[in-house]
Amino acid sequence: ELACQYSWGIFVLLMMFICLSLTVLYSVRLTYLSFVG
């Protein structure tokens, strides 16, 4: 929220959201392969 309020470039915000999505991807993969797969 605070990063979006600062006047950063779109590249920096895009990198932040990619970093956040990678966290979700590894967690989903870990859960799937361990418990559901």
Full PDB file with SEQRES, HELIX, SHEET, SSBOND, CRYST1, ORIGX, SCALE, CONECT and MASTER records, all heavy atoms in Angstrom:
SEQRES   1 A   37  GLU LEU ALA CYS GLN TYR SER TRP GLY ILE PHE VAL LEU          
SEQRES   2 A   37  LEU MET MET PHE ILE CYS LEU SER LEU THR VAL LEU TYR          
SEQRES   3 A   37  SER VAL ARG LEU THR TYR LEU SER PHE VAL GLY                  
HELIX    1 AA1 LEU A    2  GLN A    5  1                                   4    
HELIX    2 AA2 ILE A   10  THR A   31  1                                  22    
HELIX    3 AA3 TYR A   32  VAL A   36  3                                   5    
CRYST1    1.000    1.000    1.000  90.00  90.00  90.00 P 1           1          
ORIGX1      1.000000  0.000000  0.000000        0.00000                         
ORIGX2      0.000000  1.000000  0.000000        0.00000                         
ORIGX3      0.000000  0.000000  1.000000        0.00000                         
SCALE1      1.000000  0.000000  0.000000        0.00000                         
SCALE2      0.000000  1.000000  0.000000        0.00000                         
SCALE3      0.000000  0.000000  1.000000        0.00000                         
ATOM      1  N   GLU A   1       0.820  -1.209   0.000  1.00  0.00           N  
ATOM      2  CA  GLU A   1       0.000   0.000   0.000  1.00  0.00           C  
ATOM      3  C   GLU A   1       0.857   1.262   0.000  1.00  0.00           C  
ATOM      4  O   GLU A   1       0.614   2.201  -0.771  1.00  0.00           O  
ATOM      5  CB  GLU A   1      -0.899  -0.025   1.237  1.00  0.00           C  
ATOM      6  CG  GLU A   1      -1.988   0.988   1.248  1.00  0.00           C  
ATOM      7  CD  GLU A   1      -2.896   0.791   2.437  1.00  0.00           C  
ATOM      8  OE1 GLU A   1      -3.220  -0.362   2.777  1.00  0.00           O  
ATOM      9  OE2 GLU A   1      -3.268   1.816   3.035  1.00  0.00           O  
ATOM     10  N   LEU A   2       1.865   1.294   0.847  1.00  0.00           N  
ATOM     11  CA  LEU A   2       2.728   2.470   0.907  1.00  0.00           C  
ATOM     12  C   LEU A   2       3.612   2.589  -0.329  1.00  0.00           C  
ATOM     13  O   LEU A   2       3.935   3.700  -0.758  1.00  0.00           O  
ATOM     14  CB  LEU A   2       3.562   2.445   2.181  1.00  0.00           C  
ATOM     15  CG  LEU A   2       2.758   2.628   3.473  1.00  0.00           C  
ATOM     16  CD1 LEU A   2       3.640   2.442   4.688  1.00  0.00           C  
ATOM     17  CD2 LEU A   2       2.082   3.979   3.494  1.00  0.00           C  
ATOM     18  N   ALA A   3       4.005   1.451  -0.909  1.00  0.00           N  
ATOM     19  CA  ALA A   3       4.815   1.498  -2.134  1.00  0.00           C  
ATOM     20  C   ALA A   3       4.006   2.060  -3.292  1.00  0.00           C  
ATOM     21  O   ALA A   3       4.545   2.769  -4.144  1.00  0.00           O  
ATOM     22  CB  ALA A   3       5.329   0.109  -2.477  1.00  0.00           C  
ATOM     23  N   CYS A   4       2.728   1.752  -3.335  1.00  0.00           N  
ATOM     24  CA  CYS A   4       1.885   2.290  -4.404  1.00  0.00           C  
ATOM     25  C   CYS A   4       1.630   3.783  -4.236  1.00  0.00           C  
ATOM     26  O   CYS A   4       1.342   4.480  -5.212  1.00  0.00           O  
ATOM     27  CB  CYS A   4       0.562   1.525  -4.463  1.00  0.00           C  
ATOM     28  SG  CYS A   4       0.745  -0.152  -5.086  1.00  0.00           S  
ATOM     29  N   GLN A   5       1.742   4.289  -3.023  1.00  0.00           N  
ATOM     30  CA  GLN A   5       1.541   5.719  -2.788  1.00  0.00           C  
ATOM     31  C   GLN A   5       2.771   6.542  -3.145  1.00  0.00           C  
ATOM     32  O   GLN A   5       2.653   7.729  -3.445  1.00  0.00           O  
ATOM     33  CB  GLN A   5       1.156   5.969  -1.335  1.00  0.00           C  
ATOM     34  CG  GLN A   5      -0.233   5.513  -1.002  1.00  0.00           C  
ATOM     35  CD  GLN A   5      -0.576   5.744   0.443  1.00  0.00           C  
ATOM     36  OE1 GLN A   5       0.247   6.210   1.235  1.00  0.00           O  
ATOM     37  NE2 GLN A   5      -1.806   5.411   0.814  1.00  0.00           N  
ATOM     38  N   TYR A   6       3.960   5.904  -3.090  1.00  0.00           N  
ATOM     39  CA  TYR A   6       5.174   6.627  -3.463  1.00  0.00           C  
ATOM     40  C   TYR A   6       5.193   6.802  -4.974  1.00  0.00           C  
ATOM     41  O   TYR A   6       4.535   6.092  -5.715  1.00  0.00           O  
ATOM     42  CB  TYR A   6       6.415   5.844  -3.009  1.00  0.00           C  
ATOM     43  CG  TYR A   6       6.751   6.025  -1.560  1.00  0.00           C  
ATOM     44  CD1 TYR A   6       6.039   5.352  -0.566  1.00  0.00           C  
ATOM     45  CD2 TYR A   6       7.771   6.862  -1.160  1.00  0.00           C  
ATOM     46  CE1 TYR A   6       6.341   5.500   0.771  1.00  0.00           C  
ATOM     47  CE2 TYR A   6       8.089   7.022   0.171  1.00  0.00           C  
ATOM     48  CZ  TYR A   6       7.371   6.339   1.132  1.00  0.00           C  
ATOM     49  OH  TYR A   6       7.680   6.501   2.449  1.00  0.00           O  
ATOM     50  N   SER A   7       5.989   7.735  -5.443  1.00  0.00           N  
ATOM     51  CA  SER A   7       6.056   7.984  -6.885  1.00  0.00           C  
ATOM     52  C   SER A   7       7.194   7.164  -7.503  1.00  0.00           C  
ATOM     53  O   SER A   7       8.155   7.718  -8.026  1.00  0.00           O  
ATOM     54  CB  SER A   7       6.256   9.473  -7.143  1.00  0.00           C  
ATOM     55  OG  SER A   7       7.457   9.901  -6.524  1.00  0.00           O  
ATOM     56  N   TRP A   8       7.083   5.867  -7.412  1.00  0.00           N  
ATOM     57  CA  TRP A   8       8.049   4.975  -8.037  1.00  0.00           C  
ATOM     58  C   TRP A   8       7.631   4.745  -9.484  1.00  0.00           C  
ATOM     59  O   TRP A   8       6.504   4.957  -9.864  1.00  0.00           O  
ATOM     60  CB  TRP A   8       8.080   3.626  -7.313  1.00  0.00           C  
ATOM     61  CG  TRP A   8       8.672   3.697  -5.944  1.00  0.00           C  
ATOM     62  CD1 TRP A   8       8.003   3.873  -4.784  1.00  0.00           C  
ATOM     63  CD2 TRP A   8      10.049   3.613  -5.597  1.00  0.00           C  
ATOM     64  NE1 TRP A   8       8.868   3.903  -3.727  1.00  0.00           N  
ATOM     65  CE2 TRP A   8      10.139   3.739  -4.204  1.00  0.00           C  
ATOM     66  CE3 TRP A   8      11.219   3.445  -6.324  1.00  0.00           C  
ATOM     67  CZ2 TRP A   8      11.354   3.697  -3.530  1.00  0.00           C  
ATOM     68  CZ3 TRP A   8      12.420   3.398  -5.642  1.00  0.00           C  
ATOM     69  CH2 TRP A   8      12.473   3.532  -4.267  1.00  0.00           C  
ATOM     70  N   GLY A   9       8.552   4.254 -10.256  1.00  0.00           N  
ATOM     71  CA  GLY A   9       8.233   3.935 -11.638  1.00  0.00           C  
ATOM     72  C   GLY A   9       7.425   2.648 -11.718  1.00  0.00           C  
ATOM     73  O   GLY A   9       7.341   1.871 -10.776  1.00  0.00           O  
ATOM     74  N   ILE A  10       6.851   2.427 -12.879  1.00  0.00           N  
ATOM     75  CA  ILE A  10       6.026   1.236 -13.087  1.00  0.00           C  
ATOM     76  C   ILE A  10       6.870  -0.037 -13.039  1.00  0.00           C  
ATOM     77  O   ILE A  10       6.395  -1.092 -12.620  1.00  0.00           O  
ATOM     78  CB  ILE A  10       5.226   1.350 -14.418  1.00  0.00           C  
ATOM     79  CG1 ILE A  10       4.174   0.258 -14.521  1.00  0.00           C  
ATOM     80  CG2 ILE A  10       6.155   1.290 -15.612  1.00  0.00           C  
ATOM     81  CD1 ILE A  10       3.027   0.457 -13.596  1.00  0.00           C  
ATOM     82  N   PHE A  11       8.140   0.064 -13.415  1.00  0.00           N  
ATOM     83  CA  PHE A  11       9.017  -1.108 -13.400  1.00  0.00           C  
ATOM     84  C   PHE A  11       9.230  -1.615 -11.974  1.00  0.00           C  
ATOM     85  O   PHE A  11       9.200  -2.822 -11.724  1.00  0.00           O  
ATOM     86  CB  PHE A  11      10.363  -0.771 -14.058  1.00  0.00           C  
ATOM     87  CG  PHE A  11      11.323  -1.918 -14.043  1.00  0.00           C  
ATOM     88  CD1 PHE A  11      11.141  -3.004 -14.882  1.00  0.00           C  
ATOM     89  CD2 PHE A  11      12.409  -1.912 -13.180  1.00  0.00           C  
ATOM     90  CE1 PHE A  11      12.017  -4.063 -14.857  1.00  0.00           C  
ATOM     91  CE2 PHE A  11      13.297  -2.962 -13.147  1.00  0.00           C  
ATOM     92  CZ  PHE A  11      13.104  -4.050 -13.993  1.00  0.00           C  
ATOM     93  N   VAL A  12       9.427  -0.704 -11.042  1.00  0.00           N  
ATOM     94  CA  VAL A  12       9.656  -1.092  -9.643  1.00  0.00           C  
ATOM     95  C   VAL A  12       8.405  -1.743  -9.066  1.00  0.00           C  
ATOM     96  O   VAL A  12       8.474  -2.771  -8.389  1.00  0.00           O  
ATOM     97  CB  VAL A  12      10.089   0.131  -8.807  1.00  0.00           C  
ATOM     98  CG1 VAL A  12      10.178  -0.216  -7.341  1.00  0.00           C  
ATOM     99  CG2 VAL A  12      11.410   0.669  -9.319  1.00  0.00           C  
ATOM    100  N   LEU A  13       7.245  -1.173  -9.350  1.00  0.00           N  
ATOM    101  CA  LEU A  13       5.997  -1.761  -8.868  1.00  0.00           C  
ATOM    102  C   LEU A  13       5.729  -3.111  -9.519  1.00  0.00           C  
ATOM    103  O   LEU A  13       5.250  -4.047  -8.864  1.00  0.00           O  
ATOM    104  CB  LEU A  13       4.830  -0.812  -9.115  1.00  0.00           C  
ATOM    105  CG  LEU A  13       4.830   0.463  -8.292  1.00  0.00           C  
ATOM    106  CD1 LEU A  13       3.677   1.356  -8.689  1.00  0.00           C  
ATOM    107  CD2 LEU A  13       4.781   0.144  -6.808  1.00  0.00           C  
ATOM    108  N   LEU A  14       6.050  -3.237 -10.791  1.00  0.00           N  
ATOM    109  CA  LEU A  14       5.880  -4.513 -11.479  1.00  0.00           C  
ATOM    110  C   LEU A  14       6.776  -5.589 -10.866  1.00  0.00           C  
ATOM    111  O   LEU A  14       6.331  -6.733 -10.663  1.00  0.00           O  
ATOM    112  CB  LEU A  14       6.172  -4.342 -12.973  1.00  0.00           C  
ATOM    113  CG  LEU A  14       5.958  -5.574 -13.839  1.00  0.00           C  
ATOM    114  CD1 LEU A  14       4.482  -5.936 -13.882  1.00  0.00           C  
ATOM    115  CD2 LEU A  14       6.480  -5.314 -15.244  1.00  0.00           C  
ATOM    116  N   MET A  15       7.995  -5.237 -10.555  1.00  0.00           N  
ATOM    117  CA  MET A  15       8.911  -6.195  -9.914  1.00  0.00           C  
ATOM    118  C   MET A  15       8.403  -6.613  -8.529  1.00  0.00           C  
ATOM    119  O   MET A  15       8.531  -7.761  -8.133  1.00  0.00           O  
ATOM    120  CB  MET A  15      10.317  -5.601  -9.811  1.00  0.00           C  
ATOM    121  CG  MET A  15      11.009  -5.430 -11.140  1.00  0.00           C  
ATOM    122  SD  MET A  15      11.162  -6.964 -12.078  1.00  0.00           S  
ATOM    123  CE  MET A  15      12.296  -7.855 -11.054  1.00  0.00           C  
ATOM    124  N   MET A  16       7.815  -5.686  -7.807  1.00  0.00           N  
ATOM    125  CA  MET A  16       7.269  -6.001  -6.491  1.00  0.00           C  
ATOM    126  C   MET A  16       6.116  -6.999  -6.616  1.00  0.00           C  
ATOM    127  O   MET A  16       6.045  -7.977  -5.874  1.00  0.00           O  
ATOM    128  CB  MET A  16       6.790  -4.737  -5.795  1.00  0.00           C  
ATOM    129  CG  MET A  16       6.184  -4.999  -4.425  1.00  0.00           C  
ATOM    130  SD  MET A  16       5.400  -3.558  -3.697  1.00  0.00           S  
ATOM    131  CE  MET A  16       4.064  -3.274  -4.821  1.00  0.00           C  
ATOM    132  N   PHE A  17       5.232  -6.773  -7.579  1.00  0.00           N  
ATOM    133  CA  PHE A  17       4.101  -7.681  -7.744  1.00  0.00           C  
ATOM    134  C   PHE A  17       4.533  -9.041  -8.282  1.00  0.00           C  
ATOM    135  O   PHE A  17       3.931 -10.061  -7.951  1.00  0.00           O  
ATOM    136  CB  PHE A  17       3.029  -7.043  -8.632  1.00  0.00           C  
ATOM    137  CG  PHE A  17       2.245  -5.980  -7.924  1.00  0.00           C  
ATOM    138  CD1 PHE A  17       2.298  -4.671  -8.347  1.00  0.00           C  
ATOM    139  CD2 PHE A  17       1.471  -6.290  -6.817  1.00  0.00           C  
ATOM    140  CE1 PHE A  17       1.595  -3.688  -7.688  1.00  0.00           C  
ATOM    141  CE2 PHE A  17       0.764  -5.309  -6.144  1.00  0.00           C  
ATOM    142  CZ  PHE A  17       0.819  -4.010  -6.581  1.00  0.00           C  
ATOM    143  N   ILE A  18       5.582  -9.082  -9.083  1.00  0.00           N  
ATOM    144  CA  ILE A  18       6.124 -10.373  -9.530  1.00  0.00           C  
ATOM    145  C   ILE A  18       6.695 -11.127  -8.341  1.00  0.00           C  
ATOM    146  O   ILE A  18       6.494 -12.346  -8.199  1.00  0.00           O  
ATOM    147  CB  ILE A  18       7.181 -10.168 -10.639  1.00  0.00           C  
ATOM    148  CG1 ILE A  18       6.494  -9.752 -11.931  1.00  0.00           C  
ATOM    149  CG2 ILE A  18       8.001 -11.426 -10.853  1.00  0.00           C  
ATOM    150  CD1 ILE A  18       7.441  -9.350 -13.032  1.00  0.00           C  
ATOM    151  N   CYS A  19       7.392 -10.424  -7.467  1.00  0.00           N  
ATOM    152  CA  CYS A  19       7.944 -11.038  -6.254  1.00  0.00           C  
ATOM    153  C   CYS A  19       6.825 -11.609  -5.387  1.00  0.00           C  
ATOM    154  O   CYS A  19       6.936 -12.715  -4.858  1.00  0.00           O  
ATOM    155  CB  CYS A  19       8.753 -10.001  -5.494  1.00  0.00           C  
ATOM    156  SG  CYS A  19       9.451 -10.561  -3.953  1.00  0.00           S  
ATOM    157  N   LEU A  20       5.754 -10.875  -5.244  1.00  0.00           N  
ATOM    158  CA  LEU A  20       4.616 -11.353  -4.449  1.00  0.00           C  
ATOM    159  C   LEU A  20       3.950 -12.565  -5.087  1.00  0.00           C  
ATOM    160  O   LEU A  20       3.554 -13.504  -4.393  1.00  0.00           O  
ATOM    161  CB  LEU A  20       3.598 -10.234  -4.271  1.00  0.00           C  
ATOM    162  CG  LEU A  20       4.023  -9.077  -3.386  1.00  0.00           C  
ATOM    163  CD1 LEU A  20       3.002  -7.963  -3.440  1.00  0.00           C  
ATOM    164  CD2 LEU A  20       4.226  -9.546  -1.968  1.00  0.00           C  
ATOM    165  N   SER A  21       3.839 -12.570  -6.401  1.00  0.00           N  
ATOM    166  CA  SER A  21       3.199 -13.705  -7.062  1.00  0.00           C  
ATOM    167  C   SER A  21       4.065 -14.956  -7.009  1.00  0.00           C  
ATOM    168  O   SER A  21       3.536 -16.070  -6.956  1.00  0.00           O  
ATOM    169  CB  SER A  21       2.851 -13.349  -8.508  1.00  0.00           C  
ATOM    170  OG  SER A  21       4.012 -13.105  -9.250  1.00  0.00           O  
ATOM    171  N   LEU A  22       5.376 -14.804  -7.006  1.00  0.00           N  
ATOM    172  CA  LEU A  22       6.254 -15.968  -6.878  1.00  0.00           C  
ATOM    173  C   LEU A  22       6.087 -16.640  -5.511  1.00  0.00           C  
ATOM    174  O   LEU A  22       6.155 -17.860  -5.405  1.00  0.00           O  
ATOM    175  CB  LEU A  22       7.709 -15.569  -7.109  1.00  0.00           C  
ATOM    176  CG  LEU A  22       8.086 -15.262  -8.543  1.00  0.00           C  
ATOM    177  CD1 LEU A  22       9.531 -14.774  -8.622  1.00  0.00           C  
ATOM    178  CD2 LEU A  22       7.891 -16.467  -9.435  1.00  0.00           C  
ATOM    179  N   THR A  23       5.852 -15.858  -4.483  1.00  0.00           N  
ATOM    180  CA  THR A  23       5.613 -16.417  -3.157  1.00  0.00           C  
ATOM    181  C   THR A  23       4.354 -17.275  -3.158  1.00  0.00           C  
ATOM    182  O   THR A  23       4.333 -18.368  -2.593  1.00  0.00           O  
ATOM    183  CB  THR A  23       5.473 -15.295  -2.119  1.00  0.00           C  
ATOM    184  OG1 THR A  23       6.648 -14.503  -2.137  1.00  0.00           O  
ATOM    185  CG2 THR A  23       5.244 -15.853  -0.736  1.00  0.00           C  
ATOM    186  N   VAL A  24       3.329 -16.802  -3.807  1.00  0.00           N  
ATOM    187  CA  VAL A  24       2.082 -17.570  -3.886  1.00  0.00           C  
ATOM    188  C   VAL A  24       2.296 -18.832  -4.713  1.00  0.00           C  
ATOM    189  O   VAL A  24       1.805 -19.913  -4.344  1.00  0.00           O  
ATOM    190  CB  VAL A  24       0.954 -16.697  -4.474  1.00  0.00           C  
ATOM    191  CG1 VAL A  24      -0.299 -17.506  -4.719  1.00  0.00           C  
ATOM    192  CG2 VAL A  24       0.670 -15.529  -3.556  1.00  0.00           C  
ATOM    193  N   LEU A  25       3.047 -18.736  -5.809  1.00  0.00           N  
ATOM    194  CA  LEU A  25       3.263 -19.901  -6.667  1.00  0.00           C  
ATOM    195  C   LEU A  25       4.025 -21.018  -5.955  1.00  0.00           C  
ATOM    196  O   LEU A  25       3.660 -22.188  -6.066  1.00  0.00           O  
ATOM    197  CB  LEU A  25       3.995 -19.487  -7.934  1.00  0.00           C  
ATOM    198  CG  LEU A  25       3.160 -18.760  -8.968  1.00  0.00           C  
ATOM    199  CD1 LEU A  25       4.016 -18.302 -10.140  1.00  0.00           C  
ATOM    200  CD2 LEU A  25       2.039 -19.638  -9.458  1.00  0.00           C  
ATOM    201  N   TYR A  26       5.088 -20.689  -5.224  1.00  0.00           N  
ATOM    202  CA  TYR A  26       5.818 -21.755  -4.553  1.00  0.00           C  
ATOM    203  C   TYR A  26       4.979 -22.359  -3.439  1.00  0.00           C  
ATOM    204  O   TYR A  26       5.066 -23.551  -3.163  1.00  0.00           O  
ATOM    205  CB  TYR A  26       7.187 -21.295  -4.039  1.00  0.00           C  
ATOM    206  CG  TYR A  26       7.181 -20.631  -2.693  1.00  0.00           C  
ATOM    207  CD1 TYR A  26       7.091 -21.379  -1.526  1.00  0.00           C  
ATOM    208  CD2 TYR A  26       7.291 -19.258  -2.560  1.00  0.00           C  
ATOM    209  CE1 TYR A  26       7.082 -20.773  -0.291  1.00  0.00           C  
ATOM    210  CE2 TYR A  26       7.283 -18.657  -1.338  1.00  0.00           C  
ATOM    211  CZ  TYR A  26       7.179 -19.422  -0.211  1.00  0.00           C  
ATOM    212  OH  TYR A  26       7.170 -18.814   1.012  1.00  0.00           O  
ATOM    213  N   SER A  27       4.138 -21.572  -2.781  1.00  0.00           N  
ATOM    214  CA  SER A  27       3.302 -22.112  -1.712  1.00  0.00           C  
ATOM    215  C   SER A  27       2.237 -23.053  -2.261  1.00  0.00           C  
ATOM    216  O   SER A  27       1.974 -24.103  -1.678  1.00  0.00           O  
ATOM    217  CB  SER A  27       2.632 -20.982  -0.935  1.00  0.00           C  
ATOM    218  OG  SER A  27       3.599 -20.209  -0.288  1.00  0.00           O  
ATOM    219  N   VAL A  28       1.641 -22.684  -3.381  1.00  0.00           N  
ATOM    220  CA  VAL A  28       0.641 -23.556  -4.007  1.00  0.00           C  
ATOM    221  C   VAL A  28       1.293 -24.850  -4.492  1.00  0.00           C  
ATOM    222  O   VAL A  28       0.755 -25.944  -4.300  1.00  0.00           O  
ATOM    223  CB  VAL A  28      -0.068 -22.812  -5.161  1.00  0.00           C  
ATOM    224  CG1 VAL A  28      -0.892 -23.754  -6.015  1.00  0.00           C  
ATOM    225  CG2 VAL A  28      -0.935 -21.701  -4.605  1.00  0.00           C  
ATOM    226  N   ARG A  29       2.465 -24.742  -5.073  1.00  0.00           N  
ATOM    227  CA  ARG A  29       3.177 -25.935  -5.544  1.00  0.00           C  
ATOM    228  C   ARG A  29       3.547 -26.845  -4.387  1.00  0.00           C  
ATOM    229  O   ARG A  29       3.377 -28.063  -4.466  1.00  0.00           O  
ATOM    230  CB  ARG A  29       4.440 -25.510  -6.293  1.00  0.00           C  
ATOM    231  CG  ARG A  29       5.256 -26.674  -6.800  1.00  0.00           C  
ATOM    232  CD  ARG A  29       6.456 -26.171  -7.605  1.00  0.00           C  
ATOM    233  NE  ARG A  29       7.254 -27.286  -8.057  1.00  0.00           N  
ATOM    234  CZ  ARG A  29       8.420 -27.632  -7.531  1.00  0.00           C  
ATOM    235  NH1 ARG A  29       8.928 -26.925  -6.536  1.00  0.00           N  
ATOM    236  NH2 ARG A  29       9.087 -28.661  -7.985  1.00  0.00           N  
ATOM    237  N   LEU A  30       4.019 -26.255  -3.299  1.00  0.00           N  
ATOM    238  CA  LEU A  30       4.390 -27.039  -2.126  1.00  0.00           C  
ATOM    239  C   LEU A  30       3.184 -27.762  -1.545  1.00  0.00           C  
ATOM    240  O   LEU A  30       3.249 -28.951  -1.230  1.00  0.00           O  
ATOM    241  CB  LEU A  30       5.020 -26.122  -1.078  1.00  0.00           C  
ATOM    242  CG  LEU A  30       5.490 -26.761   0.222  1.00  0.00           C  
ATOM    243  CD1 LEU A  30       6.678 -27.664  -0.047  1.00  0.00           C  
ATOM    244  CD2 LEU A  30       5.853 -25.688   1.222  1.00  0.00           C  
ATOM    245  N   THR A  31       2.059 -27.071  -1.418  1.00  0.00           N  
ATOM    246  CA  THR A  31       0.851 -27.678  -0.873  1.00  0.00           C  
ATOM    247  C   THR A  31       0.315 -28.759  -1.794  1.00  0.00           C  
ATOM    248  O   THR A  31      -0.066 -29.843  -1.341  1.00  0.00           O  
ATOM    249  CB  THR A  31      -0.225 -26.601  -0.635  1.00  0.00           C  
ATOM    250  OG1 THR A  31       0.301 -25.646   0.279  1.00  0.00           O  
ATOM    251  CG2 THR A  31      -1.483 -27.197  -0.067  1.00  0.00           C  
ATOM    252  N   TYR A  32       0.308 -28.496  -3.083  1.00  0.00           N  
ATOM    253  CA  TYR A  32      -0.219 -29.479  -4.019  1.00  0.00           C  
ATOM    254  C   TYR A  32       0.613 -30.759  -4.019  1.00  0.00           C  
ATOM    255  O   TYR A  32       0.074 -31.856  -3.917  1.00  0.00           O  
ATOM    256  CB  TYR A  32      -0.294 -28.904  -5.438  1.00  0.00           C  
ATOM    257  CG  TYR A  32      -0.749 -29.938  -6.443  1.00  0.00           C  
ATOM    258  CD1 TYR A  32      -2.088 -30.310  -6.510  1.00  0.00           C  
ATOM    259  CD2 TYR A  32       0.153 -30.559  -7.290  1.00  0.00           C  
ATOM    260  CE1 TYR A  32      -2.508 -31.278  -7.399  1.00  0.00           C  
ATOM    261  CE2 TYR A  32      -0.256 -31.522  -8.180  1.00  0.00           C  
ATOM    262  CZ  TYR A  32      -1.589 -31.886  -8.238  1.00  0.00           C  
ATOM    263  OH  TYR A  32      -1.993 -32.856  -9.115  1.00  0.00           O  
ATOM    264  N   LEU A  33       1.928 -30.607  -4.149  1.00  0.00           N  
ATOM    265  CA  LEU A  33       2.770 -31.798  -4.236  1.00  0.00           C  
ATOM    266  C   LEU A  33       2.829 -32.580  -2.922  1.00  0.00           C  
ATOM    267  O   LEU A  33       3.045 -33.780  -2.930  1.00  0.00           O  
ATOM    268  CB  LEU A  33       4.180 -31.411  -4.678  1.00  0.00           C  
ATOM    269  CG  LEU A  33       4.305 -30.942  -6.129  1.00  0.00           C  
ATOM    270  CD1 LEU A  33       5.724 -30.506  -6.415  1.00  0.00           C  
ATOM    271  CD2 LEU A  33       3.884 -32.035  -7.084  1.00  0.00           C  
ATOM    272  N   SER A  34       2.645 -31.900  -1.797  1.00  0.00           N  
ATOM    273  CA  SER A  34       2.729 -32.581  -0.510  1.00  0.00           C  
ATOM    274  C   SER A  34       1.412 -33.228  -0.082  1.00  0.00           C  
ATOM    275  O   SER A  34       1.406 -34.341   0.417  1.00  0.00           O  
ATOM    276  CB  SER A  34       3.157 -31.612   0.596  1.00  0.00           C  
ATOM    277  OG  SER A  34       4.422 -31.108   0.331  1.00  0.00           O  
ATOM    278  N   PHE A  35       0.316 -32.529  -0.275  1.00  0.00           N  
ATOM    279  CA  PHE A  35      -0.932 -32.984   0.317  1.00  0.00           C  
ATOM    280  C   PHE A  35      -2.009 -33.390  -0.679  1.00  0.00           C  
ATOM    281  O   PHE A  35      -2.826 -34.251  -0.383  1.00  0.00           O  
ATOM    282  CB  PHE A  35      -1.509 -31.881   1.226  1.00  0.00           C  
ATOM    283  CG  PHE A  35      -0.598 -31.520   2.354  1.00  0.00           C  
ATOM    284  CD1 PHE A  35      -0.033 -30.258   2.430  1.00  0.00           C  
ATOM    285  CD2 PHE A  35      -0.289 -32.435   3.337  1.00  0.00           C  
ATOM    286  CE1 PHE A  35       0.804 -29.922   3.468  1.00  0.00           C  
ATOM    287  CE2 PHE A  35       0.566 -32.107   4.363  1.00  0.00           C  
ATOM    288  CZ  PHE A  35       1.110 -30.856   4.438  1.00  0.00           C  
ATOM    289  N   VAL A  36      -2.052 -32.784  -1.839  1.00  0.00           N  
ATOM    290  CA  VAL A  36      -3.163 -33.019  -2.752  1.00  0.00           C  
ATOM    291  C   VAL A  36      -2.785 -33.961  -3.890  1.00  0.00           C  
ATOM    292  O   VAL A  36      -3.577 -34.802  -4.283  1.00  0.00           O  
ATOM    293  CB  VAL A  36      -3.663 -31.662  -3.338  1.00  0.00           C  
ATOM    294  CG1 VAL A  36      -4.821 -31.872  -4.269  1.00  0.00           C  
ATOM    295  CG2 VAL A  36      -4.034 -30.713  -2.223  1.00  0.00           C  
ATOM    296  N   GLY A  37      -1.575 -33.832  -4.389  1.00  0.00           N  
ATOM    297  CA  GLY A  37      -1.145 -34.590  -5.564  1.00  0.00           C  
ATOM    298  C   GLY A  37      -1.116 -36.082  -5.313  1.00  0.00           C  
ATOM    299  O   GLY A  37      -1.292 -36.568  -4.196  1.00  0.00           O  
TER     300      GLY A  37                                                      
MASTER        0    0    0    3    0    0    0    6  299    1    0    3          
END                                                                             
